[in-house]
Amino acid sequence: MKFDLSLFKTILFSLGVVSFVIGVYQTIILQNLQANYWIFMVSMCCWLPLRYWRQKEAAEAKAAAQAAATRPSSAVEPPRGGRKPGRKRR
C-alpha cells in the first residue's frame, strides 16, 4: 500500500481548521483564552508541517526553473533550411 501524502496534507489542514474554529468558539463562550490555549497549539501543530512542505516544494520548483534557465540554448536545434510546409512556390 502506497502512502498518499496529499491525503495526509488534506487531513492535517482539516484538523487544523477544525481545532482553530473550536478554539475560537470555546474562547468566546468561556471568555478565557488561557484555558483554550492548547486547542490553538493543536491547530498550529497541524499547520507547521504544511508550511514546511510548501516552502520545500517552492524551493525545489525555483531550483528547477533556474536549472532550466541555465541550460545552453544550443541544446535546441534550429530548424533546417527549406520550404515551410503549406506554402506554395510561385
Protein backbone atom coordinates (compact mmCIF):
# COMPACT_ATOMS: atom_id res chain seq x y z
CA MET A 1 0.00 0.00 0.00
CA LYS A 2 1.42 3.35 -1.05
CA PHE A 3 1.30 6.29 1.37
CA ASP A 4 -0.62 9.21 -0.12
CA LEU A 5 0.98 12.45 1.09
CA SER A 6 -1.70 14.66 -0.46
CA LEU A 7 -4.40 12.90 1.58
CA PHE A 8 -2.31 13.33 4.71
CA LYS A 9 -1.89 17.05 3.93
CA THR A 10 -5.64 17.41 3.48
CA ILE A 11 -6.34 15.69 6.79
CA LEU A 12 -3.79 17.85 8.60
CA PHE A 13 -5.23 21.02 7.12
CA SER A 14 -8.79 20.00 8.01
CA LEU A 15 -7.82 19.07 11.55
CA GLY A 16 -6.02 22.40 11.93
CA VAL A 17 -9.03 24.39 10.72
CA VAL A 18 -11.49 22.46 12.89
CA SER A 19 -9.35 22.81 16.02
CA PHE A 20 -8.91 26.55 15.35
CA VAL A 21 -12.67 27.04 14.98
CA ILE A 22 -13.31 25.05 18.16
CA GLY A 23 -10.69 27.12 19.97
CA VAL A 24 -12.29 30.39 18.86
CA TYR A 25 -15.74 29.16 19.84
CA GLN A 26 -14.59 27.98 23.27
CA THR A 27 -12.73 31.24 23.84
CA ILE A 28 -15.84 33.28 23.04
CA ILE A 29 -18.12 31.10 25.19
CA LEU A 30 -15.79 30.77 28.20
CA GLN A 31 -14.13 34.18 27.72
CA ASN A 32 -10.85 32.60 28.75
CA LEU A 33 -8.04 32.30 26.22
CA GLN A 34 -5.66 30.66 28.66
CA ALA A 35 -7.94 27.67 29.17
CA ASN A 36 -8.14 27.10 25.39
CA TYR A 37 -4.52 27.74 24.53
CA TRP A 38 -3.85 24.04 23.99
CA ILE A 39 -6.55 23.87 21.31
CA PHE A 40 -4.81 26.64 19.35
CA MET A 41 -1.50 24.79 19.74
CA VAL A 42 -3.05 21.65 18.22
CA SER A 43 -4.09 23.79 15.30
CA MET A 44 -0.61 25.25 14.90
CA CYS A 45 0.99 21.79 15.14
CA CYS A 46 -1.18 20.73 12.21
CA TRP A 47 -0.23 23.77 10.10
CA LEU A 48 3.52 23.80 10.74
CA PRO A 49 4.34 20.72 8.63
CA LEU A 50 2.13 22.06 5.84
CA ARG A 51 4.06 25.34 5.75
CA TYR A 52 7.36 23.42 5.77
CA TRP A 53 6.32 21.20 2.87
CA ARG A 54 5.03 24.17 0.84
CA GLN A 55 8.29 26.07 1.31
CA LYS A 56 10.26 22.97 0.38
CA GLU A 57 8.19 22.47 -2.78
CA ALA A 58 8.58 26.14 -3.71
CA ALA A 59 12.36 25.94 -3.26
CA GLU A 60 12.51 22.80 -5.43
CA ALA A 61 10.41 24.46 -8.14
CA LYS A 62 12.62 27.54 -8.06
CA ALA A 63 15.75 25.40 -8.35
CA ALA A 64 14.23 23.50 -11.28
CA ALA A 65 13.33 26.77 -13.02
CA GLN A 66 16.85 28.10 -12.54
CA ALA A 67 18.32 24.85 -13.86
CA ALA A 68 16.08 25.07 -16.92
CA ALA A 69 17.07 28.70 -17.49
CA THR A 70 20.80 27.96 -17.31
CA ARG A 71 20.70 25.19 -19.91
CA PRO A 72 22.64 26.15 -23.02
CA SER A 73 20.46 27.39 -25.83
CA SER A 74 22.37 25.19 -28.29
CA ALA A 75 20.51 22.21 -26.88
CA VAL A 76 17.58 23.18 -29.10
CA GLU A 77 18.46 22.70 -32.74
CA PRO A 78 17.43 25.46 -35.11
CA PRO A 79 15.08 24.41 -37.90
CA ARG A 80 16.72 23.21 -41.07
CA GLY A 81 16.51 25.25 -44.24
CA GLY A 82 13.95 24.55 -46.90
CA ARG A 83 10.39 25.32 -47.67
CA LYS A 84 7.90 25.97 -44.97
CA PRO A 85 5.07 23.48 -45.03
CA GLY A 86 1.83 24.70 -46.51
CA ARG A 87 3.44 27.47 -48.54
CA LYS A 88 3.23 27.31 -52.32
CA ARG A 89 6.06 28.26 -54.66
CA ARG A 90 5.37 30.72 -57.39
